[in-house]
Amino acid sequence: KQDKVKVNSNPSITKVLKNPPFALKKGNEKESHFIDYALSQMVDGGLLFAIIPISVLVESGGKTWRKNLLDKNTLLASVTLPDDLFYPVSVGTIGLFIKKGISHDYNKNVYFARGIWDGFRKKKGKRLEDVKMKNVISEITQEVKSFIHSNDNRVQDVPEFKKLCKIDKNDKNLDLTPENYIDSKIPTMEEIQKGVDELIRENIAFNIRFAHKFNE
């Protein structure tokens, strides 16, 4: 149990890769405790990558923790991961890249992305690599590295996929998920027309199927 974080008086750890155990609904050990402990053992300027449930960055009860995290550290990137990453366990996850010991500068950009496809598919209870499957993780890997190590801002914003932007410090919930920052895609006229056609077809099919009930 880690109710209190023990600070390392002589830190030498510069990098941490962490997937803390996901908290039970009735448990006391939250994912945030493990992140705090890892950061406490690191040298200032060190980099931490942690995979955590989306709820840690969204729930109102975690706002205080998120604020304290940014008061003491810098959020470099937040990347949504595939829904079935831990299949057969169903839990939405996000990968966080954090620089330890330097307060977050709200005037600087953060890399947000939705890496919801990783080139794997589910088959017979397993996740198997499939070259035919879309893999956006591989598309952004080098880009994330460049941004983290050199603050490279030459990143093209792509609606529903990725965006560089500043954290909204006036956000009452301090939601740090990519979905809170990435732009929605504006549908084309062709997509709108296709959607209208599908609704019309569905409505006609419904009326034909249940016409006899309406006439009874």
N, C-alpha and C. Protein backbone atom coordinates (compact mmCIF):
# COMPACT_ATOMS: atom_id res chain seq x y z
N LYS A 1 0.85 -1.19 0.00
CA LYS A 1 0.00 0.00 0.00
C LYS A 1 0.88 1.23 0.00
N GLN A 2 0.49 2.26 -0.76
CA GLN A 2 1.33 3.44 -0.91
C GLN A 2 0.55 4.70 -0.59
N ASP A 3 0.06 4.81 0.65
CA ASP A 3 -0.71 6.01 1.03
C ASP A 3 0.21 7.22 1.08
N LYS A 4 1.48 7.00 1.41
CA LYS A 4 2.45 8.08 1.48
C LYS A 4 3.61 7.78 0.53
N VAL A 5 4.04 8.81 -0.16
CA VAL A 5 5.13 8.63 -1.10
C VAL A 5 6.45 8.90 -0.40
N LYS A 6 7.34 7.92 -0.43
CA LYS A 6 8.66 8.08 0.16
C LYS A 6 9.59 8.68 -0.88
N VAL A 7 10.14 9.85 -0.56
CA VAL A 7 10.99 10.56 -1.50
C VAL A 7 12.41 10.00 -1.46
N ASN A 8 12.97 9.73 -2.60
CA ASN A 8 14.33 9.23 -2.70
C ASN A 8 15.30 10.39 -2.52
N SER A 9 16.14 10.32 -1.51
CA SER A 9 17.06 11.43 -1.21
C SER A 9 18.23 11.49 -2.18
N ASN A 10 18.47 10.43 -2.93
CA ASN A 10 19.58 10.42 -3.87
C ASN A 10 19.15 9.75 -5.18
N PRO A 11 18.24 10.41 -5.91
CA PRO A 11 17.69 9.79 -7.13
C PRO A 11 18.73 9.65 -8.22
N SER A 12 18.66 8.55 -8.96
CA SER A 12 19.56 8.34 -10.09
C SER A 12 18.80 7.78 -11.29
N ILE A 13 17.51 7.60 -11.16
CA ILE A 13 16.69 7.03 -12.23
C ILE A 13 16.28 8.14 -13.20
N THR A 14 16.59 7.94 -14.47
CA THR A 14 16.30 8.98 -15.47
C THR A 14 15.11 8.63 -16.36
N LYS A 15 14.76 7.33 -16.45
CA LYS A 15 13.64 6.92 -17.29
C LYS A 15 12.84 5.82 -16.61
N VAL A 16 11.52 5.90 -16.76
CA VAL A 16 10.63 4.89 -16.19
C VAL A 16 9.56 4.52 -17.22
N LEU A 17 9.37 3.22 -17.42
CA LEU A 17 8.30 2.69 -18.25
C LEU A 17 7.37 1.95 -17.32
N LYS A 18 6.11 2.40 -17.23
CA LYS A 18 5.26 1.90 -16.15
C LYS A 18 3.85 1.58 -16.62
N ASN A 19 3.36 0.42 -16.20
CA ASN A 19 1.97 0.05 -16.39
C ASN A 19 1.42 -0.38 -15.03
N PRO A 20 1.05 0.59 -14.19
CA PRO A 20 0.61 0.26 -12.83
C PRO A 20 -0.64 -0.61 -12.84
N PRO A 21 -0.80 -1.46 -11.82
CA PRO A 21 -2.02 -2.29 -11.73
C PRO A 21 -3.24 -1.39 -11.68
N PHE A 22 -4.27 -1.74 -12.43
CA PHE A 22 -5.47 -0.92 -12.46
C PHE A 22 -6.25 -1.12 -11.17
N ALA A 23 -6.71 -0.01 -10.60
CA ALA A 23 -7.37 -0.03 -9.30
C ALA A 23 -8.73 -0.72 -9.37
N LEU A 24 -9.06 -1.43 -8.29
CA LEU A 24 -10.39 -2.00 -8.16
C LEU A 24 -11.34 -0.91 -7.68
N LYS A 25 -12.62 -1.07 -8.00
CA LYS A 25 -13.60 -0.05 -7.63
C LYS A 25 -13.62 0.20 -6.13
N LYS A 26 -13.43 -0.85 -5.34
CA LYS A 26 -13.47 -0.71 -3.89
C LYS A 26 -12.07 -0.68 -3.26
N GLY A 27 -11.05 -0.62 -4.09
CA GLY A 27 -9.69 -0.64 -3.56
C GLY A 27 -9.19 0.74 -3.19
N ASN A 28 -8.11 0.77 -2.40
CA ASN A 28 -7.53 2.03 -1.95
C ASN A 28 -6.30 2.42 -2.76
N GLU A 29 -5.70 1.46 -3.45
CA GLU A 29 -4.49 1.75 -4.21
C GLU A 29 -4.86 2.23 -5.61
N LYS A 30 -4.76 3.52 -5.81
CA LYS A 30 -5.09 4.12 -7.09
C LYS A 30 -3.87 4.14 -8.00
N GLU A 31 -4.13 4.20 -9.31
CA GLU A 31 -3.03 4.25 -10.27
C GLU A 31 -2.14 5.47 -10.03
N SER A 32 -2.75 6.55 -9.60
CA SER A 32 -2.00 7.78 -9.35
C SER A 32 -0.94 7.61 -8.27
N HIS A 33 -1.19 6.71 -7.30
CA HIS A 33 -0.21 6.47 -6.24
C HIS A 33 1.09 5.90 -6.83
N PHE A 34 0.94 4.98 -7.77
CA PHE A 34 2.11 4.36 -8.38
C PHE A 34 2.90 5.35 -9.23
N ILE A 35 2.18 6.25 -9.92
CA ILE A 35 2.85 7.27 -10.72
C ILE A 35 3.61 8.23 -9.81
N ASP A 36 2.98 8.65 -8.73
CA ASP A 36 3.63 9.56 -7.79
C ASP A 36 4.89 8.93 -7.21
N TYR A 37 4.79 7.64 -6.87
CA TYR A 37 5.95 6.96 -6.30
C TYR A 37 7.10 6.89 -7.30
N ALA A 38 6.76 6.54 -8.55
CA ALA A 38 7.79 6.45 -9.58
C ALA A 38 8.47 7.80 -9.78
N LEU A 39 7.70 8.86 -9.84
CA LEU A 39 8.26 10.20 -10.03
C LEU A 39 9.15 10.59 -8.85
N SER A 40 8.77 10.17 -7.66
CA SER A 40 9.55 10.53 -6.47
C SER A 40 10.93 9.88 -6.48
N GLN A 41 11.10 8.79 -7.23
CA GLN A 41 12.38 8.08 -7.29
C GLN A 41 13.26 8.53 -8.45
N MET A 42 12.75 9.48 -9.24
CA MET A 42 13.46 9.89 -10.45
C MET A 42 14.22 11.20 -10.26
N VAL A 43 15.23 11.38 -11.09
CA VAL A 43 15.98 12.62 -11.11
C VAL A 43 15.15 13.68 -11.84
N ASP A 44 15.26 14.93 -11.44
CA ASP A 44 14.56 16.00 -12.14
C ASP A 44 14.98 16.04 -13.61
N GLY A 45 14.00 16.17 -14.47
CA GLY A 45 14.28 16.16 -15.90
C GLY A 45 14.13 14.78 -16.50
N GLY A 46 13.92 13.75 -15.66
CA GLY A 46 13.74 12.39 -16.15
C GLY A 46 12.41 12.23 -16.85
N LEU A 47 12.31 11.19 -17.68
CA LEU A 47 11.09 10.95 -18.46
C LEU A 47 10.37 9.70 -17.96
N LEU A 48 9.06 9.83 -17.80
CA LEU A 48 8.22 8.72 -17.37
C LEU A 48 7.13 8.48 -18.40
N PHE A 49 6.96 7.21 -18.77
CA PHE A 49 5.83 6.81 -19.63
C PHE A 49 4.98 5.85 -18.84
N ALA A 50 3.69 6.14 -18.73
CA ALA A 50 2.79 5.28 -17.96
C ALA A 50 1.50 5.05 -18.74
N ILE A 51 1.03 3.80 -18.71
CA ILE A 51 -0.26 3.46 -19.30
C ILE A 51 -1.28 3.37 -18.17
N ILE A 52 -2.31 4.20 -18.25
CA ILE A 52 -3.30 4.25 -17.19
C ILE A 52 -4.71 4.28 -17.79
N PRO A 53 -5.73 3.93 -17.00
CA PRO A 53 -7.10 4.01 -17.49
C PRO A 53 -7.50 5.45 -17.80
N ILE A 54 -8.35 5.62 -18.80
CA ILE A 54 -8.81 6.95 -19.17
C ILE A 54 -9.46 7.66 -17.98
N SER A 55 -10.11 6.91 -17.12
CA SER A 55 -10.83 7.50 -15.99
C SER A 55 -9.92 8.35 -15.11
N VAL A 56 -8.64 8.00 -15.01
CA VAL A 56 -7.71 8.75 -14.16
C VAL A 56 -7.57 10.19 -14.64
N LEU A 57 -7.77 10.42 -15.93
CA LEU A 57 -7.59 11.75 -16.51
C LEU A 57 -8.90 12.48 -16.73
N VAL A 58 -10.01 11.82 -16.39
CA VAL A 58 -11.32 12.40 -16.66
C VAL A 58 -12.16 12.64 -15.40
N GLU A 59 -12.16 11.67 -14.51
CA GLU A 59 -13.05 11.74 -13.35
C GLU A 59 -12.80 12.98 -12.51
N SER A 60 -13.89 13.61 -12.08
CA SER A 60 -13.80 14.84 -11.30
C SER A 60 -13.05 14.63 -9.99
N GLY A 61 -13.13 13.39 -9.45
CA GLY A 61 -12.44 13.10 -8.19
C GLY A 61 -10.93 13.12 -8.32
N GLY A 62 -10.43 13.06 -9.55
CA GLY A 62 -8.98 13.06 -9.75
C GLY A 62 -8.43 14.41 -10.16
N LYS A 63 -9.27 15.44 -10.17
CA LYS A 63 -8.81 16.76 -10.61
C LYS A 63 -7.67 17.29 -9.75
N THR A 64 -7.77 17.11 -8.44
CA THR A 64 -6.72 17.60 -7.53
C THR A 64 -5.39 16.94 -7.84
N TRP A 65 -5.45 15.63 -8.08
CA TRP A 65 -4.20 14.92 -8.42
C TRP A 65 -3.63 15.44 -9.73
N ARG A 66 -4.47 15.64 -10.73
CA ARG A 66 -4.00 16.12 -12.03
C ARG A 66 -3.38 17.51 -11.90
N LYS A 67 -3.98 18.36 -11.07
CA LYS A 67 -3.43 19.70 -10.87
C LYS A 67 -2.07 19.63 -10.18
N ASN A 68 -1.97 18.79 -9.14
CA ASN A 68 -0.70 18.63 -8.44
C ASN A 68 0.37 18.06 -9.37
N LEU A 69 -0.03 17.14 -10.25
CA LEU A 69 0.90 16.56 -11.20
C LEU A 69 1.51 17.64 -12.09
N LEU A 70 0.67 18.55 -12.58
CA LEU A 70 1.14 19.62 -13.46
C LEU A 70 1.87 20.72 -12.71
N ASP A 71 1.57 20.86 -11.43
CA ASP A 71 2.28 21.86 -10.63
C ASP A 71 3.75 21.47 -10.44
N LYS A 72 4.00 20.15 -10.45
CA LYS A 72 5.34 19.67 -10.15
C LYS A 72 6.07 19.06 -11.35
N ASN A 73 5.31 18.76 -12.41
CA ASN A 73 5.89 18.07 -13.56
C ASN A 73 5.31 18.62 -14.86
N THR A 74 5.90 18.21 -15.98
CA THR A 74 5.44 18.66 -17.29
C THR A 74 4.81 17.51 -18.06
N LEU A 75 3.59 17.74 -18.56
CA LEU A 75 2.96 16.76 -19.44
C LEU A 75 3.43 17.04 -20.86
N LEU A 76 4.12 16.07 -21.45
CA LEU A 76 4.64 16.23 -22.80
C LEU A 76 3.68 15.70 -23.86
N ALA A 77 3.07 14.54 -23.59
CA ALA A 77 2.17 13.95 -24.57
C ALA A 77 1.15 13.06 -23.89
N SER A 78 -0.02 12.99 -24.52
CA SER A 78 -1.12 12.15 -24.04
C SER A 78 -1.69 11.42 -25.26
N VAL A 79 -1.63 10.08 -25.25
CA VAL A 79 -2.01 9.29 -26.42
C VAL A 79 -3.02 8.22 -26.03
N THR A 80 -4.21 8.29 -26.63
CA THR A 80 -5.22 7.25 -26.41
C THR A 80 -4.78 5.98 -27.11
N LEU A 81 -4.88 4.85 -26.41
CA LEU A 81 -4.43 3.56 -26.93
C LEU A 81 -5.64 2.70 -27.36
N PRO A 82 -5.40 1.62 -28.10
CA PRO A 82 -6.51 0.79 -28.59
C PRO A 82 -7.41 0.28 -27.46
N ASP A 83 -8.72 0.21 -27.75
CA ASP A 83 -9.68 -0.23 -26.73
C ASP A 83 -9.40 -1.65 -26.24
N ASP A 84 -8.87 -2.50 -27.12
CA ASP A 84 -8.65 -3.91 -26.75
C ASP A 84 -7.18 -4.19 -26.43
N LEU A 85 -6.47 -3.17 -25.99
CA LEU A 85 -5.05 -3.34 -25.69
C LEU A 85 -4.80 -4.46 -24.68
N PHE A 86 -5.68 -4.56 -23.68
CA PHE A 86 -5.53 -5.59 -22.65
C PHE A 86 -6.59 -6.68 -22.79
N TYR A 87 -7.02 -6.91 -24.01
CA TYR A 87 -8.01 -7.94 -24.29
C TYR A 87 -7.60 -9.28 -23.67
N PRO A 88 -8.53 -10.01 -22.99
CA PRO A 88 -9.98 -9.83 -22.99
C PRO A 88 -10.52 -8.83 -21.97
N VAL A 89 -9.66 -8.20 -21.18
CA VAL A 89 -10.14 -7.18 -20.25
C VAL A 89 -10.49 -5.93 -21.07
N SER A 90 -11.66 -5.40 -20.84
CA SER A 90 -12.12 -4.23 -21.58
C SER A 90 -11.94 -2.98 -20.74
N VAL A 91 -10.94 -2.18 -21.07
CA VAL A 91 -10.71 -0.93 -20.35
C VAL A 91 -10.00 0.04 -21.29
N GLY A 92 -10.52 1.26 -21.37
CA GLY A 92 -9.89 2.28 -22.19
C GLY A 92 -8.64 2.81 -21.51
N THR A 93 -7.56 2.96 -22.26
CA THR A 93 -6.30 3.38 -21.67
C THR A 93 -5.65 4.53 -22.43
N ILE A 94 -4.78 5.23 -21.73
CA ILE A 94 -4.03 6.34 -22.32
C ILE A 94 -2.58 6.23 -21.88
N GLY A 95 -1.67 6.55 -22.79
CA GLY A 95 -0.25 6.58 -22.47
C GLY A 95 0.17 8.02 -22.21
N LEU A 96 0.78 8.26 -21.06
CA LEU A 96 1.23 9.60 -20.69
C LEU A 96 2.75 9.68 -20.73
N PHE A 97 3.27 10.77 -21.30
CA PHE A 97 4.70 11.05 -21.27
C PHE A 97 4.90 12.27 -20.38
N ILE A 98 5.66 12.09 -19.30
CA ILE A 98 5.81 13.14 -18.29
C ILE A 98 7.28 13.43 -18.04
N LYS A 99 7.62 14.71 -17.95
CA LYS A 99 8.97 15.11 -17.54
C LYS A 99 8.92 15.48 -16.08
N LYS A 100 9.76 14.83 -15.29
CA LYS A 100 9.71 14.98 -13.85
C LYS A 100 10.39 16.27 -13.36
N GLY A 101 9.77 16.90 -12.34
CA GLY A 101 10.41 17.96 -11.59
C GLY A 101 10.40 19.34 -12.20
N ILE A 102 9.72 19.53 -13.32
CA ILE A 102 9.64 20.86 -13.95
C ILE A 102 8.17 21.20 -14.12
N SER A 103 7.72 22.26 -13.45
CA SER A 103 6.31 22.64 -13.50
C SER A 103 5.84 22.83 -14.93
N HIS A 104 4.63 22.40 -15.20
CA HIS A 104 4.11 22.50 -16.56
C HIS A 104 3.94 23.95 -16.98
N ASP A 105 4.45 24.26 -18.17
CA ASP A 105 4.31 25.59 -18.75
C ASP A 105 3.07 25.59 -19.64
N TYR A 106 2.01 26.28 -19.18
CA TYR A 106 0.75 26.27 -19.90
C TYR A 106 0.82 27.05 -21.21
N ASN A 107 1.94 27.68 -21.48
CA ASN A 107 2.11 28.40 -22.74
C ASN A 107 2.76 27.53 -23.81
N LYS A 108 3.12 26.29 -23.43
CA LYS A 108 3.75 25.38 -24.39
C LYS A 108 2.78 24.28 -24.80
N ASN A 109 3.00 23.77 -26.00
CA ASN A 109 2.12 22.75 -26.56
C ASN A 109 2.34 21.37 -25.93
N VAL A 110 1.28 20.59 -25.97
CA VAL A 110 1.31 19.18 -25.59
C VAL A 110 0.91 18.38 -26.82
N TYR A 111 1.50 17.22 -27.00
CA TYR A 111 1.18 16.35 -28.14
C TYR A 111 0.01 15.46 -27.74
N PHE A 112 -1.12 15.63 -28.41
CA PHE A 112 -2.30 14.80 -28.17
C PHE A 112 -2.57 13.94 -29.41
N ALA A 113 -2.87 12.66 -29.20
CA ALA A 113 -3.15 11.78 -30.35
C ALA A 113 -4.09 10.65 -29.93
N ARG A 114 -4.83 10.14 -30.92
CA ARG A 114 -5.70 8.99 -30.71
C ARG A 114 -5.08 7.80 -31.46
N GLY A 115 -4.26 7.05 -30.75
CA GLY A 115 -3.60 5.89 -31.36
C GLY A 115 -4.44 4.65 -31.18
N ILE A 116 -5.64 4.66 -31.70
CA ILE A 116 -6.60 3.60 -31.40
C ILE A 116 -6.47 2.37 -32.30
N TRP A 117 -5.53 2.41 -33.27
CA TRP A 117 -5.25 1.24 -34.10
C TRP A 117 -3.76 0.95 -34.05
N ASP A 118 -3.40 -0.28 -33.77
CA ASP A 118 -1.98 -0.63 -33.62
C ASP A 118 -1.55 -1.80 -34.49
N GLY A 119 -2.38 -2.17 -35.48
CA GLY A 119 -1.99 -3.24 -36.39
C GLY A 119 -2.27 -4.63 -35.87
N PHE A 120 -3.09 -4.74 -34.82
CA PHE A 120 -3.46 -6.05 -34.29
C PHE A 120 -4.96 -6.26 -34.44
N ARG A 121 -5.36 -7.53 -34.52
CA ARG A 121 -6.78 -7.86 -34.56
C ARG A 121 -7.06 -9.01 -33.60
N LYS A 122 -8.31 -9.13 -33.21
CA LYS A 122 -8.69 -10.18 -32.28
C LYS A 122 -9.11 -11.44 -33.05
N LYS A 123 -8.55 -12.57 -32.63
CA LYS A 123 -8.90 -13.85 -33.26
C LYS A 123 -8.73 -14.97 -32.24
N LYS A 124 -9.82 -15.70 -32.02
CA LYS A 124 -9.82 -16.85 -31.11
C LYS A 124 -9.27 -16.47 -29.73
N GLY A 125 -9.71 -15.35 -29.23
CA GLY A 125 -9.34 -14.94 -27.88
C GLY A 125 -7.96 -14.35 -27.75
N LYS A 126 -7.31 -14.04 -28.89
CA LYS A 126 -5.97 -13.47 -28.84
C LYS A 126 -5.89 -12.24 -29.74
N ARG A 127 -4.91 -11.39 -29.46
CA ARG A 127 -4.62 -10.25 -30.33
C ARG A 127 -3.44 -10.64 -31.20
N LEU A 128 -3.66 -10.67 -32.51
CA LEU A 128 -2.63 -11.10 -33.43
C LEU A 128 -2.27 -9.98 -34.39
N GLU A 129 -0.99 -9.85 -34.68
CA GLU A 129 -0.54 -8.83 -35.61
C GLU A 129 -1.02 -9.16 -37.02
N ASP A 130 -1.50 -8.13 -37.72
CA ASP A 130 -2.04 -8.31 -39.07
C ASP A 130 -1.59 -7.13 -39.92
N VAL A 131 -0.80 -7.40 -40.94
CA VAL A 131 -0.26 -6.33 -41.78
C VAL A 131 -1.35 -5.59 -42.54
N LYS A 132 -2.53 -6.19 -42.63
CA LYS A 132 -3.63 -5.53 -43.32
C LYS A 132 -4.37 -4.54 -42.43
N MET A 133 -4.12 -4.61 -41.14
CA MET A 133 -4.81 -3.73 -40.21
C MET A 133 -4.09 -2.37 -40.13
N LYS A 134 -4.86 -1.34 -39.93
CA LYS A 134 -4.30 0.01 -39.82
C LYS A 134 -3.46 0.12 -38.56
N ASN A 135 -2.33 0.80 -38.65
CA ASN A 135 -1.44 0.97 -37.51
C ASN A 135 -1.00 2.44 -37.39
N VAL A 136 -1.78 3.20 -36.63
CA VAL A 136 -1.46 4.62 -36.49
C VAL A 136 -0.37 4.84 -35.43
N ILE A 137 -0.17 3.84 -34.56
CA ILE A 137 0.90 3.95 -33.57
C ILE A 137 2.25 4.07 -34.27
N SER A 138 2.46 3.25 -35.30
CA SER A 138 3.72 3.31 -36.03
C SER A 138 3.86 4.64 -36.77
N GLU A 139 2.73 5.23 -37.15
CA GLU A 139 2.75 6.49 -37.88
C GLU A 139 3.24 7.65 -37.01
N ILE A 140 2.92 7.59 -35.73
CA ILE A 140 3.24 8.73 -34.87
C ILE A 140 4.45 8.50 -33.96
N THR A 141 5.01 7.29 -33.96
CA THR A 141 6.10 6.97 -33.04
C THR A 141 7.27 7.95 -33.14
N GLN A 142 7.80 8.13 -34.35
CA GLN A 142 8.94 9.02 -34.53
C GLN A 142 8.56 10.47 -34.24
N GLU A 143 7.34 10.82 -34.59
CA GLU A 143 6.86 12.18 -34.35
C GLU A 143 6.82 12.49 -32.86
N VAL A 144 6.32 11.54 -32.08
CA VAL A 144 6.27 11.73 -30.62
C VAL A 144 7.68 11.84 -30.06
N LYS A 145 8.59 10.99 -30.52
CA LYS A 145 9.98 11.05 -30.05
C LYS A 145 10.59 12.42 -30.32
N SER A 146 10.41 12.92 -31.52
CA SER A 146 10.98 14.22 -31.90
C SER A 146 10.40 15.34 -31.05
N PHE A 147 9.11 15.26 -30.80
CA PHE A 147 8.47 16.31 -30.00
C PHE A 147 8.97 16.29 -28.56
N ILE A 148 9.09 15.10 -28.00
CA ILE A 148 9.51 14.97 -26.60
C ILE A 148 10.96 15.42 -26.40
N HIS A 149 11.83 15.03 -27.30
CA HIS A 149 13.25 15.28 -27.11
C HIS A 149 13.73 16.64 -27.63
N SER A 150 13.01 17.20 -28.58
CA SER A 150 13.48 18.48 -29.14
C SER A 150 12.38 19.53 -29.22
N ASN A 151 11.22 19.22 -28.61
CA ASN A 151 10.09 20.15 -28.64
C ASN A 151 9.78 20.56 -30.08
N ASP A 152 9.85 19.59 -30.98
CA ASP A 152 9.60 19.83 -32.41
C ASP A 152 8.11 20.08 -32.63
N ASN A 153 7.77 21.32 -33.00
CA ASN A 153 6.37 21.69 -33.18
C ASN A 153 5.90 21.55 -34.62
N ARG A 154 6.71 20.92 -35.46
CA ARG A 154 6.32 20.75 -36.86
C ARG A 154 5.43 19.51 -37.01
N VAL A 155 4.28 19.59 -36.39
CA VAL A 155 3.33 18.49 -36.42
C VAL A 155 2.03 18.99 -37.04
N GLN A 156 1.57 18.28 -38.04
CA GLN A 156 0.34 18.68 -38.71
C GLN A 156 -0.87 18.21 -37.91
N ASP A 157 -1.79 19.15 -37.60
CA ASP A 157 -3.02 18.78 -36.92
C ASP A 157 -3.92 18.01 -37.86
N VAL A 158 -4.43 16.87 -37.39
CA VAL A 158 -5.34 16.05 -38.20
C VAL A 158 -6.59 15.78 -37.37
N PRO A 159 -7.74 16.30 -37.80
CA PRO A 159 -8.98 16.09 -37.04
C PRO A 159 -9.21 14.62 -36.71
N GLU A 160 -9.66 14.37 -35.48
CA GLU A 160 -9.96 13.04 -34.97
C GLU A 160 -8.73 12.15 -34.82
N PHE A 161 -7.53 12.70 -35.02
CA PHE A 161 -6.32 11.88 -34.93
C PHE A 161 -5.27 12.50 -34.01
N LYS A 162 -4.79 13.70 -34.32
CA LYS A 162 -3.71 14.27 -33.52
C LYS A 162 -3.73 15.79 -33.56
N LYS A 163 -3.11 16.37 -32.54
CA LYS A 163 -3.08 17.83 -32.48
C LYS A 163 -2.05 18.29 -31.45
N LEU A 164 -1.36 19.38 -31.77
CA LEU A 164 -0.51 20.07 -30.79
C LEU A 164 -1.29 21.26 -30.27
N CYS A 165 -1.41 21.37 -28.97
CA CYS A 165 -2.08 22.54 -28.40
C CYS A 165 -1.75 22.66 -26.93
N LYS A 166 -2.10 23.81 -26.38
CA LYS A 166 -1.84 24.09 -24.96
C LYS A 166 -2.97 23.52 -24.10
N ILE A 167 -2.63 23.15 -22.88
CA ILE A 167 -3.63 22.68 -21.93
C ILE A 167 -4.47 23.88 -21.48
N ASP A 168 -5.77 23.68 -21.45
CA ASP A 168 -6.67 24.73 -21.00
C ASP A 168 -6.69 24.76 -19.48
N LYS A 169 -5.95 25.70 -18.90
CA LYS A 169 -5.87 25.77 -17.44
C LYS A 169 -7.18 26.24 -16.82
N ASN A 170 -8.09 26.75 -17.65
CA ASN A 170 -9.39 27.20 -17.15
C ASN A 170 -10.45 26.10 -17.22
N ASP A 171 -10.04 24.93 -17.72
CA ASP A 171 -10.95 23.79 -17.77
C ASP A 171 -11.28 23.37 -16.33
N LYS A 172 -12.54 23.45 -15.95
CA LYS A 172 -12.94 23.19 -14.57
C LYS A 172 -12.61 21.78 -14.12
N ASN A 173 -12.59 20.83 -15.06
CA ASN A 173 -12.31 19.45 -14.70
C ASN A 173 -10.87 19.05 -14.98
N LEU A 174 -10.13 19.91 -15.68
CA LEU A 174 -8.74 19.65 -16.07
C LEU A 174 -8.61 18.28 -16.72
N ASP A 175 -9.46 18.05 -17.71
CA ASP A 175 -9.48 16.81 -18.48
C ASP A 175 -8.24 16.79 -19.39
N LEU A 176 -7.39 15.77 -19.24
CA LEU A 176 -6.14 15.68 -19.99
C LEU A 176 -6.17 14.64 -21.10
N THR A 177 -7.35 14.19 -21.48
CA THR A 177 -7.46 13.18 -22.54
C THR A 177 -7.34 13.83 -23.91
N PRO A 178 -6.80 13.11 -24.90
CA PRO A 178 -6.71 13.65 -26.27
C PRO A 178 -8.07 14.04 -26.82
N GLU A 179 -9.10 13.27 -26.48
CA GLU A 179 -10.44 13.53 -27.01
C GLU A 179 -10.96 14.90 -26.59
N ASN A 180 -10.42 15.44 -25.52
CA ASN A 180 -10.85 16.76 -25.05
C ASN A 180 -10.22 17.89 -25.86
N TYR A 181 -9.18 17.57 -26.66
CA TYR A 181 -8.45 18.61 -27.38
C TYR A 181 -8.43 18.43 -28.90
N ILE A 182 -8.47 17.20 -29.36
CA ILE A 182 -8.38 16.96 -30.80
C ILE A 182 -9.67 17.42 -31.50
N ASP A 183 -9.51 18.06 -32.63
CA ASP A 183 -10.65 18.60 -33.37
C ASP A 183 -11.51 17.49 -33.97
N SER A 184 -12.81 17.76 -34.05
CA SER A 184 -13.72 16.85 -34.74
C SER A 184 -13.60 17.06 -36.24
N LYS A 185 -13.87 16.03 -36.97
CA LYS A 185 -13.79 16.12 -38.43
C LYS A 185 -15.06 16.74 -38.99
N ILE A 186 -14.89 17.71 -39.88
CA ILE A 186 -16.04 18.32 -40.54
C ILE A 186 -16.44 17.44 -41.72
N PRO A 187 -17.66 16.90 -41.72
CA PRO A 187 -18.05 15.99 -42.80
C PRO A 187 -18.16 16.70 -44.15
N THR A 188 -17.81 15.98 -45.21
CA THR A 188 -17.95 16.51 -46.56
C THR A 188 -19.42 16.41 -46.98
N MET A 189 -19.78 17.10 -48.06
CA MET A 189 -21.14 17.02 -48.57
C MET A 189 -21.49 15.59 -48.99
N GLU A 190 -20.48 14.88 -49.52
CA GLU A 190 -20.70 13.50 -49.91
C GLU A 190 -21.03 12.62 -48.71
N GLU A 191 -20.30 12.84 -47.59
CA GLU A 191 -20.54 12.07 -46.38
C GLU A 191 -21.91 12.40 -45.78
N ILE A 192 -22.28 13.68 -45.84
CA ILE A 192 -23.59 14.08 -45.33
C ILE A 192 -24.70 13.44 -46.15
N GLN A 193 -24.56 13.48 -47.47
CA GLN A 193 -25.56 12.89 -48.35
C GLN A 193 -25.67 11.39 -48.12
N LYS A 194 -24.52 10.73 -47.92
CA LYS A 194 -24.52 9.30 -47.67
C LYS A 194 -25.26 8.99 -46.38
N GLY A 195 -25.02 9.81 -45.35
CA GLY A 195 -25.70 9.61 -44.08
C GLY A 195 -27.20 9.81 -44.19
N VAL A 196 -27.62 10.82 -44.96
CA VAL A 196 -29.04 11.07 -45.17
C VAL A 196 -29.68 9.90 -45.91
N ASP A 197 -29.00 9.40 -46.95
CA ASP A 197 -29.52 8.26 -47.72
C ASP A 197 -29.71 7.03 -46.83
N GLU A 198 -28.74 6.79 -45.93
CA GLU A 198 -28.83 5.63 -45.04
C GLU A 198 -30.01 5.77 -44.09
N LEU A 199 -30.24 6.99 -43.58
CA LEU A 199 -31.37 7.22 -42.68
C LEU A 199 -32.70 7.00 -43.40
N ILE A 200 -32.77 7.45 -44.66
CA ILE A 200 -34.00 7.28 -45.44
C ILE A 200 -34.27 5.80 -45.67
N ARG A 201 -33.22 5.05 -46.05
CA ARG A 201 -33.37 3.61 -46.28
C ARG A 201 -33.82 2.89 -45.01
N GLU A 202 -33.21 3.25 -43.89
CA GLU A 202 -33.57 2.62 -42.61
C GLU A 202 -35.01 2.94 -42.24
N ASN A 203 -35.45 4.17 -42.51
CA ASN A 203 -36.81 4.57 -42.18
C ASN A 203 -37.82 3.83 -43.05
N ILE A 204 -37.50 3.69 -44.34
CA ILE A 204 -38.39 2.97 -45.25
C ILE A 204 -38.48 1.50 -44.84
N ALA A 205 -37.34 0.91 -44.54
CA ALA A 205 -37.32 -0.50 -44.14
C ALA A 205 -38.12 -0.71 -42.86
N PHE A 206 -38.02 0.22 -41.93
CA PHE A 206 -38.76 0.12 -40.65
C PHE A 206 -40.25 0.19 -40.92
N ASN A 207 -40.67 1.14 -41.78
CA ASN A 207 -42.09 1.31 -42.07
C ASN A 207 -42.67 0.08 -42.77
N ILE A 208 -41.89 -0.50 -43.70
CA ILE A 208 -42.36 -1.69 -44.40
C ILE A 208 -42.50 -2.87 -43.43
N ARG A 209 -41.54 -2.99 -42.55
CA ARG A 209 -41.52 -4.12 -41.63
C ARG A 209 -42.67 -4.08 -40.63
N PHE A 210 -43.00 -2.88 -40.18
CA PHE A 210 -44.00 -2.77 -39.13
C PHE A 210 -45.30 -2.11 -39.60
N ALA A 211 -45.48 -2.00 -40.92
CA ALA A 211 -46.67 -1.35 -41.46
C ALA A 211 -47.95 -2.04 -41.00
N HIS A 212 -47.92 -3.37 -40.92
CA HIS A 212 -49.13 -4.11 -40.55
C HIS A 212 -49.54 -3.81 -39.12
N LYS A 213 -48.58 -3.52 -38.26
CA LYS A 213 -48.92 -3.22 -36.86
C LYS A 213 -49.58 -1.86 -36.77
N PHE A 214 -49.14 -0.93 -37.60
CA PHE A 214 -49.72 0.41 -37.55
C PHE A 214 -51.15 0.41 -38.10
N ASN A 215 -51.47 -0.59 -38.95
CA ASN A 215 -52.78 -0.64 -39.58
C ASN A 215 -53.80 -1.46 -38.79
N GLU A 216 -53.31 -2.09 -37.74
CA GLU A 216 -54.23 -2.93 -36.93
C GLU A 216 -55.16 -2.05 -36.09
